[in-house]
Every structure is written in C-alpha cells, then in structure tokens.
Amino acid sequence: MLGIQNIGTYIPKDFVDNFQQADRFETNREFVEQKIGVSTLPRLGKDETVVSACLNAFQNLSSKEAIDLEQIDCVVLCTQNPDNGGLPHNSALLHGELGLSEDCACFDIGLACSGYVYGLSVIQSFMAANGLRKGLFFTCDPYSRILNQDDKNTCLLFGDAASVTLISETPRYVLDRAKFSTKGAGSQALRRKNNMLEMNGRAVFNFALQDVPKQINRLLDDSGLTTDDIDLFLLHQGSRYMLESTIKRAGIPLEKAPVRLDKTGNTVSSSIPLLLVNELENKHRTILMSGFGVGLSWATAVYRLVE
C-alpha cells in the first residue's frame, strides 16, 4: 500500500522582521504577536526559484533517506506561483535537475492552502492506478512574489518554504479516509488581481471558522472516530487567531493541535508538511490533517501509522 515514507523541507535563510513591518504599517506589535502570531517571515532570495527551493527540500530528504533516483517513477509539484509562469511545468524542470529516468510521470497541480491534503491523495491515487511504486510530492508557493508591499493584510502573513514527501510502498503513514470541499462562490475572498494577492480577511476567517470544523467533525463521524481517537491534529497554519479559533470551534484539545507559525508565517501548501516532518519520529497512531484557503477550498484526511 502506498503512503508517506519520509519528508524533506526547506526554509529560506532570508527573512523579513514582522515587527519592523508592523512599525511600518503603524500596527500594534501585540496584535502581530497575539493575533497573527508571526515574528519572522522567510523569503526566497533574489536568485532562488520554486525549482531551487524544491531541490533544497529534496537535499534535506536525501540526508535522512537513501533514495535511488532510478526508482522514482512519479513527480508531482503543488504550486500556484511556478517559475516562468508554469511553462514548462516546473515538475519537468525538477525532473531534469534531478536526472530522473524518462520512465517517470511528472505534472503540476495548482492548489494552495488545501494543496497538501489534495496532493497526497492525487499522487497516491495516480500511482496506484498506474502501477507506480515510488514518487516525490513537492510543495512550494512563494507568495512573496505576488505580495503588495503596501498591503498589511497580506504582507504580515505569508512566508516562503518548500517540502517534498516521499511516497512509497514502504510507508510510515497511509490514508484512512478523506473529505474534499469547494465553495467557488466565495473565491473572490482570496485572489490574484493585477498580479497581486488580494485577501478579504474577514471572509476568510468566517470561512475557516464555519466550514472547516464541520468538515473535520463529519470526517470523524463517518470514520466512527472522536477527537479522543486522533493523536495529532495538523491544521493549516494561516494565522494564530484564526487557527486557535478553528481548533476551539472544532472541539479539538489544544494540546493535540500544534500552532507553529512564529518563524515561518503562512507557507500555503507547505504549512502542513512543515508540521508533519517534526512529528514523524513520534509515531502517532492517527493523524488528522486539514488544509483550507484559496478556492475557497478545504480538505481533511486521517492517516494511520503502519505498524
């Protein structure tokens, strides 16, 4: 059975001091710390790209796991901000840089904050349907490229990062059940306009607070589970106040749902794998992941430890 074997991550060394940004916007520093919950925001350097960030994440993965590149037969990249406008698809660029076999399927998917949960299901299903055995699922969404530096609603939130998840037939975690939802009528709450990110913060907050807990609890009910049966809840790290409010509304015990965006901010599709990579060695028996944002799109999945 295919599933998650290991994860590599990359957080750029360059960063923005969020408190200095707050001063620039004449925003209360306590608000930045307590509501947004982010002190520093990593940024891709001027010479860094989606592809180079993903390669750095792969290098991190390779330091933990011996990988025979000849055996990689699938590469999927989740991004909404690809290099060169996505032409060619950036997974093909990764394929070339890694020197992978020509007998390797490569494609990109365009999802944001729900992208990790969606993407895991996409690559696992694609591989299973086509008899593939070892794949790499990358995430990288450098929103810094589309931030309006005069818009405090977005500048104080988003950081850059990348991840890669090794999918194989010798996994640590396998998918148990998932739910996927879309509210296209609300898509204007988060969009690119004039090539800049535009966000209606109130609409996004209401969406997270109203719809995400319902999906989490529906999945638990359909799986015959309660919050007591889940060892770890990994929710998309949007902002501290939104995240804590969503956790509370869903009835999730706070000690089971880490809030760790102080040094990263909202890294879009990379936020959940940045959390998960620190938990793999803890061998939680059940992990619930929930991503939500652009679309409006949200997805929740339960993964079980292979014992």
C-alpha atoms as a PDB file:
ATOM      1  CA  MET A   1       0.000   0.000   0.000  1.00  0.00           C
ATOM      2  CA  LEU A   2       1.292   3.446  -0.934  1.00  0.00           C
ATOM      3  CA  GLY A   3       1.748   6.154   1.654  1.00  0.00           C
ATOM      4  CA  ILE A   4       4.076   8.653   3.324  1.00  0.00           C
ATOM      5  CA  GLN A   5       7.595   7.307   3.915  1.00  0.00           C
ATOM      6  CA  ASN A   6       9.511  10.493   4.760  1.00  0.00           C
ATOM      7  CA  ILE A   7       9.556  14.284   4.298  1.00  0.00           C
ATOM      8  CA  GLY A   8      12.204  16.861   3.453  1.00  0.00           C
ATOM      9  CA  THR A   9      11.754  20.606   3.932  1.00  0.00           C
ATOM     10  CA  TYR A  10      13.427  23.876   3.069  1.00  0.00           C
ATOM     11  CA  ILE A  11      13.034  27.250   4.778  1.00  0.00           C
ATOM     12  CA  PRO A  12      14.993  30.103   3.145  1.00  0.00           C
ATOM     13  CA  LYS A  13      17.664  31.890   5.156  1.00  0.00           C
ATOM     14  CA  ASP A  14      16.494  35.351   4.075  1.00  0.00           C
ATOM     15  CA  PHE A  15      13.657  36.735   6.162  1.00  0.00           C
ATOM     16  CA  VAL A  16      11.568  39.784   6.973  1.00  0.00           C
ATOM     17  CA  ASP A  17      11.239  41.036  10.555  1.00  0.00           C
ATOM     18  CA  ASN A  18       7.487  41.164  11.069  1.00  0.00           C
ATOM     19  CA  PHE A  19       7.675  43.601  13.947  1.00  0.00           C
ATOM     20  CA  GLN A  20       9.554  46.056  11.748  1.00  0.00           C
ATOM     21  CA  GLN A  21       6.836  45.599   9.170  1.00  0.00           C
ATOM     22  CA  ALA A  22       4.248  46.275  11.856  1.00  0.00           C
ATOM     23  CA  ASP A  23       6.001  49.527  12.696  1.00  0.00           C
ATOM     24  CA  ARG A  24       5.957  50.480   9.018  1.00  0.00           C
ATOM     25  CA  PHE A  25       2.210  49.931   8.925  1.00  0.00           C
ATOM     26  CA  GLU A  26       1.769  51.610  12.324  1.00  0.00           C
ATOM     27  CA  THR A  27       0.302  48.347  13.580  1.00  0.00           C
ATOM     28  CA  ASN A  28       0.373  47.371  17.256  1.00  0.00           C
ATOM     29  CA  ARG A  29       3.177  44.857  17.904  1.00  0.00           C
ATOM     30  CA  GLU A  30       0.994  42.975  20.388  1.00  0.00           C
ATOM     31  CA  PHE A  31      -1.529  42.448  17.588  1.00  0.00           C
ATOM     32  CA  VAL A  32       1.217  40.939  15.413  1.00  0.00           C
ATOM     33  CA  GLU A  33       2.332  38.616  18.188  1.00  0.00           C
ATOM     34  CA  GLN A  34      -1.058  37.547  19.562  1.00  0.00           C
ATOM     35  CA  LYS A  35      -3.369  37.655  16.547  1.00  0.00           C
ATOM     36  CA  ILE A  36      -1.094  36.994  13.577  1.00  0.00           C
ATOM     37  CA  GLY A  37       1.430  35.003  15.586  1.00  0.00           C
ATOM     38  CA  VAL A  38       4.400  35.584  13.279  1.00  0.00           C
ATOM     39  CA  SER A  39       7.683  37.264  14.223  1.00  0.00           C
ATOM     40  CA  THR A  40       9.735  36.462  11.105  1.00  0.00           C
ATOM     41  CA  LEU A  41       8.755  35.632   7.530  1.00  0.00           C
ATOM     42  CA  PRO A  42      11.182  33.598   5.384  1.00  0.00           C
ATOM     43  CA  ARG A  43      11.719  34.862   1.843  1.00  0.00           C
ATOM     44  CA  LEU A  44      13.275  33.232  -1.197  1.00  0.00           C
ATOM     45  CA  GLY A  45      16.493  35.032  -2.095  1.00  0.00           C
ATOM     46  CA  LYS A  46      16.710  37.011  -5.322  1.00  0.00           C
ATOM     47  CA  ASP A  47      18.440  34.100  -7.065  1.00  0.00           C
ATOM     48  CA  GLU A  48      16.156  31.411  -5.635  1.00  0.00           C
ATOM     49  CA  THR A  49      13.246  29.864  -7.505  1.00  0.00           C
ATOM     50  CA  VAL A  50      10.470  27.358  -6.932  1.00  0.00           C
ATOM     51  CA  VAL A  51      12.674  24.705  -8.524  1.00  0.00           C
ATOM     52  CA  SER A  52      15.771  25.561  -6.468  1.00  0.00           C
ATOM     53  CA  ALA A  53      13.732  25.614  -3.244  1.00  0.00           C
ATOM     54  CA  CYS A  54      12.281  22.192  -4.074  1.00  0.00           C
ATOM     55  CA  LEU A  55      15.775  20.871  -4.809  1.00  0.00           C
ATOM     56  CA  ASN A  56      16.894  22.096  -1.389  1.00  0.00           C
ATOM     57  CA  ALA A  57      13.955  20.259   0.184  1.00  0.00           C
ATOM     58  CA  PHE A  58      14.999  17.134  -1.717  1.00  0.00           C
ATOM     59  CA  GLN A  59      18.547  17.514  -0.440  1.00  0.00           C
ATOM     60  CA  ASN A  60      17.143  17.614   3.096  1.00  0.00           C
ATOM     61  CA  LEU A  61      15.122  14.463   2.385  1.00  0.00           C
ATOM     62  CA  SER A  62      18.218  12.737   0.977  1.00  0.00           C
ATOM     63  CA  SER A  63      20.098  13.443   4.212  1.00  0.00           C
ATOM     64  CA  LYS A  64      17.531  11.289   6.033  1.00  0.00           C
ATOM     65  CA  GLU A  65      16.686   8.652   3.457  1.00  0.00           C
ATOM     66  CA  ALA A  66      18.790   6.818   0.849  1.00  0.00           C
ATOM     67  CA  ILE A  67      16.973   7.412  -2.437  1.00  0.00           C
ATOM     68  CA  ASP A  68      17.741   5.617  -5.690  1.00  0.00           C
ATOM     69  CA  LEU A  69      16.752   8.207  -8.299  1.00  0.00           C
ATOM     70  CA  GLU A  70      16.385   5.467 -10.914  1.00  0.00           C
ATOM     71  CA  GLN A  71      13.443   4.132  -8.912  1.00  0.00           C
ATOM     72  CA  ILE A  72      11.482   7.409  -8.873  1.00  0.00           C
ATOM     73  CA  ASP A  73       8.615   6.961 -11.309  1.00  0.00           C
ATOM     74  CA  CYS A  74       6.363   9.907 -10.400  1.00  0.00           C
ATOM     75  CA  VAL A  75       6.903  13.579  -9.542  1.00  0.00           C
ATOM     76  CA  VAL A  76       4.078  15.947  -8.629  1.00  0.00           C
ATOM     77  CA  LEU A  77       4.515  19.605  -7.698  1.00  0.00           C
ATOM     78  CA  CYS A  78       1.846  21.687  -5.989  1.00  0.00           C
ATOM     79  CA  THR A  79       2.221  25.418  -6.673  1.00  0.00           C
ATOM     80  CA  GLN A  80       0.193  28.417  -7.796  1.00  0.00           C
ATOM     81  CA  ASN A  81       3.280  30.555  -8.348  1.00  0.00           C
ATOM     82  CA  PRO A  82       5.530  28.498 -10.645  1.00  0.00           C
ATOM     83  CA  ASP A  83       8.741  29.634 -12.286  1.00  0.00           C
ATOM     84  CA  ASN A  84       8.362  31.009 -15.826  1.00  0.00           C
ATOM     85  CA  GLY A  85       4.598  31.163 -15.421  1.00  0.00           C
ATOM     86  CA  GLY A  86       4.446  27.369 -15.358  1.00  0.00           C
ATOM     87  CA  LEU A  87       5.738  26.886 -18.913  1.00  0.00           C
ATOM     88  CA  PRO A  88       7.281  24.360 -18.894  1.00  0.00           C
ATOM     89  CA  HIS A  89       5.637  22.728 -15.919  1.00  0.00           C
ATOM     90  CA  ASN A  90       8.041  23.001 -13.015  1.00  0.00           C
ATOM     91  CA  SER A  91       7.905  19.285 -12.203  1.00  0.00           C
ATOM     92  CA  ALA A  92       9.580  18.720 -15.590  1.00  0.00           C
ATOM     93  CA  LEU A  93      12.308  21.171 -14.572  1.00  0.00           C
ATOM     94  CA  LEU A  94      12.765  19.229 -11.333  1.00  0.00           C
ATOM     95  CA  HIS A  95      12.918  16.017 -13.350  1.00  0.00           C
ATOM     96  CA  GLY A  96      15.756  17.443 -15.417  1.00  0.00           C
ATOM     97  CA  GLU A  97      17.679  18.819 -12.455  1.00  0.00           C
ATOM     98  CA  LEU A  98      17.441  15.511 -10.585  1.00  0.00           C
ATOM     99  CA  GLY A  99      18.361  13.478 -13.661  1.00  0.00           C
ATOM    100  CA  LEU A 100      15.399  11.145 -13.315  1.00  0.00           C
ATOM    101  CA  SER A 101      14.515   8.309 -15.674  1.00  0.00           C
ATOM    102  CA  GLU A 102      12.447   9.114 -18.765  1.00  0.00           C
ATOM    103  CA  ASP A 103      10.015   6.481 -17.486  1.00  0.00           C
ATOM    104  CA  CYS A 104       8.782   8.958 -14.890  1.00  0.00           C
ATOM    105  CA  ALA A 105       5.436  10.761 -14.856  1.00  0.00           C
ATOM    106  CA  CYS A 106       5.638  14.475 -13.986  1.00  0.00           C
ATOM    107  CA  PHE A 107       2.892  17.056 -13.575  1.00  0.00           C
ATOM    108  CA  ASP A 108       1.985  20.164 -11.569  1.00  0.00           C
ATOM    109  CA  ILE A 109      -1.240  20.864  -9.695  1.00  0.00           C
ATOM    110  CA  GLY A 110      -2.482  24.359  -8.865  1.00  0.00           C
ATOM    111  CA  LEU A 111      -3.798  24.405  -5.332  1.00  0.00           C
ATOM    112  CA  ALA A 112      -2.810  26.499  -2.354  1.00  0.00           C
ATOM    113  CA  CYS A 113      -3.584  26.002   1.340  1.00  0.00           C
ATOM    114  CA  SER A 114      -5.572  22.792   0.800  1.00  0.00           C
ATOM    115  CA  GLY A 115      -2.948  21.550  -1.647  1.00  0.00           C
ATOM    116  CA  TYR A 116      -1.029  19.186   0.600  1.00  0.00           C
ATOM    117  CA  VAL A 117      -4.074  17.127   1.569  1.00  0.00           C
ATOM    118  CA  TYR A 118      -5.386  17.157  -2.003  1.00  0.00           C
ATOM    119  CA  GLY A 119      -1.964  16.474  -3.471  1.00  0.00           C
ATOM    120  CA  LEU A 120      -1.242  13.456  -1.303  1.00  0.00           C
ATOM    121  CA  SER A 121      -4.457  11.864  -2.498  1.00  0.00           C
ATOM    122  CA  VAL A 122      -3.734  12.804  -6.129  1.00  0.00           C
ATOM    123  CA  ILE A 123      -0.246  11.323  -6.267  1.00  0.00           C
ATOM    124  CA  GLN A 124      -1.163   8.205  -4.304  1.00  0.00           C
ATOM    125  CA  SER A 125      -4.229   7.539  -6.475  1.00  0.00           C
ATOM    126  CA  PHE A 126      -2.338   8.217  -9.706  1.00  0.00           C
ATOM    127  CA  MET A 127       0.493   5.934  -8.700  1.00  0.00           C
ATOM    128  CA  ALA A 128      -1.836   3.145  -7.561  1.00  0.00           C
ATOM    129  CA  ALA A 129      -3.881   3.336 -10.773  1.00  0.00           C
ATOM    130  CA  ASN A 130      -0.784   3.078 -12.939  1.00  0.00           C
ATOM    131  CA  GLY A 131       1.340   0.588 -11.052  1.00  0.00           C
ATOM    132  CA  LEU A 132       3.945   3.138  -9.941  1.00  0.00           C
ATOM    133  CA  ARG A 133       5.975   2.418  -6.845  1.00  0.00           C
ATOM    134  CA  LYS A 134       7.988   5.434  -5.689  1.00  0.00           C
ATOM    135  CA  GLY A 135       7.092   9.103  -6.059  1.00  0.00           C
ATOM    136  CA  LEU A 136       8.032  12.589  -4.903  1.00  0.00           C
ATOM    137  CA  PHE A 137       5.361  15.112  -3.971  1.00  0.00           C
ATOM    138  CA  PHE A 138       6.715  18.673  -3.801  1.00  0.00           C
ATOM    139  CA  THR A 139       5.073  21.834  -2.463  1.00  0.00           C
ATOM    140  CA  CYS A 140       6.274  25.406  -2.921  1.00  0.00           C
ATOM    141  CA  ASP A 141       4.185  28.568  -3.129  1.00  0.00           C
ATOM    142  CA  PRO A 142       6.299  31.728  -2.832  1.00  0.00           C
ATOM    143  CA  TYR A 143       3.548  34.256  -2.214  1.00  0.00           C
ATOM    144  CA  SER A 144       6.275  36.861  -1.696  1.00  0.00           C
ATOM    145  CA  ARG A 145       6.274  37.152  -5.490  1.00  0.00           C
ATOM    146  CA  ILE A 146       2.720  38.476  -5.551  1.00  0.00           C
ATOM    147  CA  LEU A 147       2.525  40.492  -2.328  1.00  0.00           C
ATOM    148  CA  ASN A 148       1.652  44.154  -2.480  1.00  0.00           C
ATOM    149  CA  GLN A 149       4.229  45.591  -0.090  1.00  0.00           C
ATOM    150  CA  ASP A 150       1.737  48.294   0.933  1.00  0.00           C
ATOM    151  CA  ASP A 151      -0.978  45.809   1.906  1.00  0.00           C
ATOM    152  CA  LYS A 152      -0.679  44.937   5.595  1.00  0.00           C
ATOM    153  CA  ASN A 153      -3.465  42.331   5.279  1.00  0.00           C
ATOM    154  CA  THR A 154      -1.116  40.068   3.328  1.00  0.00           C
ATOM    155  CA  CYS A 155       2.443  41.317   3.981  1.00  0.00           C
ATOM    156  CA  LEU A 156       2.288  40.351   7.655  1.00  0.00           C
ATOM    157  CA  LEU A 157       1.103  36.801   6.967  1.00  0.00           C
ATOM    158  CA  PHE A 158       2.868  34.920   4.208  1.00  0.00           C
ATOM    159  CA  GLY A 159       6.265  33.216   4.235  1.00  0.00           C
ATOM    160  CA  ASP A 160       8.129  31.125   1.652  1.00  0.00           C
ATOM    161  CA  ALA A 161       9.085  27.462   2.073  1.00  0.00           C
ATOM    162  CA  ALA A 162       9.209  24.158   0.206  1.00  0.00           C
ATOM    163  CA  SER A 163       8.708  20.499   1.029  1.00  0.00           C
ATOM    164  CA  VAL A 164       8.976  17.093  -0.579  1.00  0.00           C
ATOM    165  CA  THR A 165       7.181  13.955   0.573  1.00  0.00           C
ATOM    166  CA  LEU A 166       8.473  10.534  -0.413  1.00  0.00           C
ATOM    167  CA  ILE A 167       5.570   8.273  -1.402  1.00  0.00           C
ATOM    168  CA  SER A 168       6.387   4.576  -1.470  1.00  0.00           C
ATOM    169  CA  GLU A 169       5.213   1.022  -0.862  1.00  0.00           C
ATOM    170  CA  THR A 170       7.033   1.016   2.487  1.00  0.00           C
ATOM    171  CA  PRO A 171       5.229   3.901   4.196  1.00  0.00           C
ATOM    172  CA  ARG A 172       5.083   5.121   7.740  1.00  0.00           C
ATOM    173  CA  TYR A 173       1.570   6.509   7.268  1.00  0.00           C
ATOM    174  CA  VAL A 174      -1.276   5.509   4.961  1.00  0.00           C
ATOM    175  CA  LEU A 175      -4.518   7.284   4.130  1.00  0.00           C
ATOM    176  CA  ASP A 176      -7.576   6.062   6.016  1.00  0.00           C
ATOM    177  CA  ARG A 177     -10.299   8.443   4.822  1.00  0.00           C
ATOM    178  CA  ALA A 178     -10.616  11.981   3.465  1.00  0.00           C
ATOM    179  CA  LYS A 179     -13.147  14.656   2.533  1.00  0.00           C
ATOM    180  CA  PHE A 180     -12.763  17.430  -0.042  1.00  0.00           C
ATOM    181  CA  SER A 181     -14.886  20.557  -0.434  1.00  0.00           C
ATOM    182  CA  THR A 182     -15.091  23.694  -2.588  1.00  0.00           C
ATOM    183  CA  LYS A 183     -17.021  26.933  -2.320  1.00  0.00           C
ATOM    184  CA  GLY A 184     -16.345  28.605  -5.646  1.00  0.00           C
ATOM    185  CA  ALA A 185     -18.916  31.299  -4.940  1.00  0.00           C
ATOM    186  CA  GLY A 186     -16.560  32.600  -2.267  1.00  0.00           C
ATOM    187  CA  SER A 187     -13.423  32.520  -4.413  1.00  0.00           C
ATOM    188  CA  GLN A 188     -13.077  36.308  -4.526  1.00  0.00           C
ATOM    189  CA  ALA A 189     -12.042  36.284  -0.863  1.00  0.00           C
ATOM    190  CA  LEU A 190      -8.525  35.222  -1.914  1.00  0.00           C
ATOM    191  CA  ARG A 191      -7.424  36.024  -5.432  1.00  0.00           C
ATOM    192  CA  ARG A 192      -4.752  37.451  -7.671  1.00  0.00           C
ATOM    193  CA  LYS A 193      -5.737  40.850  -9.028  1.00  0.00           C
ATOM    194  CA  ASN A 194      -3.414  42.893 -11.250  1.00  0.00           C
ATOM    195  CA  ASN A 195      -0.822  40.211 -10.463  1.00  0.00           C
ATOM    196  CA  MET A 196      -1.023  40.954  -6.730  1.00  0.00           C
ATOM    197  CA  LEU A 197      -2.557  38.931  -3.925  1.00  0.00           C
ATOM    198  CA  GLU A 198      -5.818  40.361  -2.623  1.00  0.00           C
ATOM    199  CA  MET A 199      -7.460  38.996   0.513  1.00  0.00           C
ATOM    200  CA  ASN A 200     -10.699  39.687   2.316  1.00  0.00           C
ATOM    201  CA  GLY A 201      -9.506  38.730   5.781  1.00  0.00           C
ATOM    202  CA  ARG A 202     -12.938  38.737   7.396  1.00  0.00           C
ATOM    203  CA  ALA A 203     -14.407  36.466   4.727  1.00  0.00           C
ATOM    204  CA  VAL A 204     -11.502  34.030   5.022  1.00  0.00           C
ATOM    205  CA  PHE A 205     -11.765  33.989   8.814  1.00  0.00           C
ATOM    206  CA  ASN A 206     -15.513  33.310   8.702  1.00  0.00           C
ATOM    207  CA  PHE A 207     -14.985  30.519   6.177  1.00  0.00           C
ATOM    208  CA  ALA A 208     -12.349  28.849   8.341  1.00  0.00           C
ATOM    209  CA  LEU A 209     -14.444  29.162  11.476  1.00  0.00           C
ATOM    210  CA  GLN A 210     -17.709  27.934   9.950  1.00  0.00           C
ATOM    211  CA  ASP A 211     -16.817  25.343   7.321  1.00  0.00           C
ATOM    212  CA  VAL A 212     -13.577  23.702   8.410  1.00  0.00           C
ATOM    213  CA  PRO A 213     -14.779  22.432  11.837  1.00  0.00           C
ATOM    214  CA  LYS A 214     -17.890  20.982  10.177  1.00  0.00           C
ATOM    215  CA  GLN A 215     -15.773  19.008   7.713  1.00  0.00           C
ATOM    216  CA  ILE A 216     -13.434  17.773  10.425  1.00  0.00           C
ATOM    217  CA  ASN A 217     -16.322  16.524  12.535  1.00  0.00           C
ATOM    218  CA  ARG A 218     -18.123  14.994   9.550  1.00  0.00           C
ATOM    219  CA  LEU A 219     -14.990  13.032   8.688  1.00  0.00           C
ATOM    220  CA  LEU A 220     -14.635  11.860  12.274  1.00  0.00           C
ATOM    221  CA  ASP A 221     -18.302  10.809  12.395  1.00  0.00           C
ATOM    222  CA  ASP A 222     -18.103   8.959   9.071  1.00  0.00           C
ATOM    223  CA  SER A 223     -14.954   7.189  10.261  1.00  0.00           C
ATOM    224  CA  GLY A 224     -16.524   6.187  13.564  1.00  0.00           C
ATOM    225  CA  LEU A 225     -13.957   8.265  15.428  1.00  0.00           C
ATOM    226  CA  THR A 226     -13.937  11.020  18.033  1.00  0.00           C
ATOM    227  CA  THR A 227     -11.284  13.590  18.852  1.00  0.00           C
ATOM    228  CA  ASP A 228     -10.084  11.167  21.534  1.00  0.00           C
ATOM    229  CA  ASP A 229      -9.140   8.679  18.798  1.00  0.00           C
ATOM    230  CA  ILE A 230      -6.894  11.165  16.983  1.00  0.00           C
ATOM    231  CA  ASP A 231      -3.404  11.580  18.418  1.00  0.00           C
ATOM    232  CA  LEU A 232      -2.430  14.663  16.421  1.00  0.00           C
ATOM    233  CA  PHE A 233      -4.314  17.350  14.504  1.00  0.00           C
ATOM    234  CA  LEU A 234      -2.284  19.221  11.879  1.00  0.00           C
ATOM    235  CA  LEU A 235      -4.233  22.241  10.643  1.00  0.00           C
ATOM    236  CA  HIS A 236      -3.089  24.719   8.029  1.00  0.00           C
ATOM    237  CA  GLN A 237      -1.140  27.491   9.737  1.00  0.00           C
ATOM    238  CA  GLY A 238      -2.968  30.557   8.423  1.00  0.00           C
ATOM    239  CA  SER A 239      -2.737  32.956  11.340  1.00  0.00           C
ATOM    240  CA  ARG A 240      -2.596  32.343  15.071  1.00  0.00           C
ATOM    241  CA  TYR A 241      -6.012  33.753  15.948  1.00  0.00           C
ATOM    242  CA  MET A 242      -7.790  32.058  13.029  1.00  0.00           C
ATOM    243  CA  LEU A 243      -6.080  28.763  13.793  1.00  0.00           C
ATOM    244  CA  GLU A 244      -6.800  28.808  17.509  1.00  0.00           C
ATOM    245  CA  SER A 245     -10.419  29.818  16.890  1.00  0.00           C
ATOM    246  CA  THR A 246     -10.884  26.998  14.367  1.00  0.00           C
ATOM    247  CA  ILE A 247      -9.331  24.465  16.743  1.00  0.00           C
ATOM    248  CA  LYS A 248     -11.658  25.579  19.533  1.00  0.00           C
ATOM    249  CA  ARG A 249     -14.761  25.543  17.304  1.00  0.00           C
ATOM    250  CA  ALA A 250     -13.939  22.001  16.130  1.00  0.00           C
ATOM    251  CA  GLY A 251     -13.692  20.801  19.742  1.00  0.00           C
ATOM    252  CA  ILE A 252     -10.072  19.733  19.340  1.00  0.00           C
ATOM    253  CA  PRO A 253      -7.972  19.536  22.532  1.00  0.00           C
ATOM    254  CA  LEU A 254      -5.384  22.322  22.299  1.00  0.00           C
ATOM    255  CA  GLU A 255      -2.530  20.036  23.316  1.00  0.00           C
ATOM    256  CA  LYS A 256      -3.175  17.888  20.231  1.00  0.00           C
ATOM    257  CA  ALA A 257      -3.069  20.718  17.690  1.00  0.00           C
ATOM    258  CA  PRO A 258       0.311  22.471  17.389  1.00  0.00           C
ATOM    259  CA  VAL A 259       0.475  26.166  16.457  1.00  0.00           C
ATOM    260  CA  ARG A 260       3.931  26.736  14.995  1.00  0.00           C
ATOM    261  CA  LEU A 261       3.993  29.641  12.570  1.00  0.00           C
ATOM    262  CA  ASP A 262       6.068  32.130  14.557  1.00  0.00           C
ATOM    263  CA  LYS A 263       9.195  31.677  12.383  1.00  0.00           C
ATOM    264  CA  THR A 264       7.516  30.728   9.105  1.00  0.00           C
ATOM    265  CA  GLY A 265       4.189  32.503   8.739  1.00  0.00           C
ATOM    266  CA  ASN A 266       1.595  31.098   6.367  1.00  0.00           C
ATOM    267  CA  THR A 267       3.603  28.977   3.906  1.00  0.00           C
ATOM    268  CA  VAL A 268       0.489  27.972   1.937  1.00  0.00           C
ATOM    269  CA  SER A 269       0.749  24.348   0.639  1.00  0.00           C
ATOM    270  CA  SER A 270       3.911  23.760   2.682  1.00  0.00           C
ATOM    271  CA  SER A 271       2.445  24.561   6.106  1.00  0.00           C
ATOM    272  CA  ILE A 272       1.195  21.045   6.940  1.00  0.00           C
ATOM    273  CA  PRO A 273       4.335  19.163   5.833  1.00  0.00           C
ATOM    274  CA  LEU A 274       6.428  21.644   7.870  1.00  0.00           C
ATOM    275  CA  LEU A 275       4.430  20.470  10.880  1.00  0.00           C
ATOM    276  CA  LEU A 276       4.374  16.791   9.951  1.00  0.00           C
ATOM    277  CA  VAL A 277       8.122  16.486   9.390  1.00  0.00           C
ATOM    278  CA  ASN A 278       8.703  17.206  13.090  1.00  0.00           C
ATOM    279  CA  GLU A 279       6.234  14.528  14.157  1.00  0.00           C
ATOM    280  CA  LEU A 280       7.244  11.510  12.062  1.00  0.00           C
ATOM    281  CA  GLU A 281       9.532  10.059  14.702  1.00  0.00           C
ATOM    282  CA  ASN A 282       6.875  10.338  17.404  1.00  0.00           C
ATOM    283  CA  LYS A 283       4.846   7.513  15.853  1.00  0.00           C
ATOM    284  CA  HIS A 284       1.393   8.929  16.483  1.00  0.00           C
ATOM    285  CA  ARG A 285      -1.096   6.177  15.666  1.00  0.00           C
ATOM    286  CA  THR A 286      -3.589   8.527  13.987  1.00  0.00           C
ATOM    287  CA  ILE A 287      -3.014  11.956  12.429  1.00  0.00           C
ATOM    288  CA  LEU A 288      -5.707  14.246  11.070  1.00  0.00           C
ATOM    289  CA  MET A 289      -4.614  16.886   8.532  1.00  0.00           C
ATOM    290  CA  SER A 290      -6.803  19.766   7.393  1.00  0.00           C
ATOM    291  CA  GLY A 291      -5.901  22.395   4.797  1.00  0.00           C
ATOM    292  CA  PHE A 292      -8.095  25.344   3.837  1.00  0.00           C
ATOM    293  CA  GLY A 293      -7.885  28.561   1.860  1.00  0.00           C
ATOM    294  CA  VAL A 294      -7.796  29.731  -1.781  1.00  0.00           C
ATOM    295  CA  GLY A 295     -10.745  28.481  -3.788  1.00  0.00           C
ATOM    296  CA  LEU A 296     -12.399  28.538  -1.391  1.00  0.00           C
ATOM    297  CA  SER A 297     -11.120  25.012  -0.937  1.00  0.00           C
ATOM    298  CA  TRP A 298     -10.761  22.775   2.082  1.00  0.00           C
ATOM    299  CA  ALA A 299      -9.715  19.172   2.621  1.00  0.00           C
ATOM    300  CA  THR A 300      -9.347  16.924   5.648  1.00  0.00           C
ATOM    301  CA  ALA A 301      -7.768  13.460   5.867  1.00  0.00           C
ATOM    302  CA  VAL A 302      -6.978  10.882   8.524  1.00  0.00           C
ATOM    303  CA  TYR A 303      -3.690   8.989   8.187  1.00  0.00           C
ATOM    304  CA  ARG A 304      -2.810   5.893  10.188  1.00  0.00           C
ATOM    305  CA  LEU A 305       0.569   4.646  11.338  1.00  0.00           C
ATOM    306  CA  VAL A 306       1.768   1.457   9.668  1.00  0.00           C
ATOM    307  CA  GLU A 307       2.686  -0.974  12.431  1.00  0.00           C
END
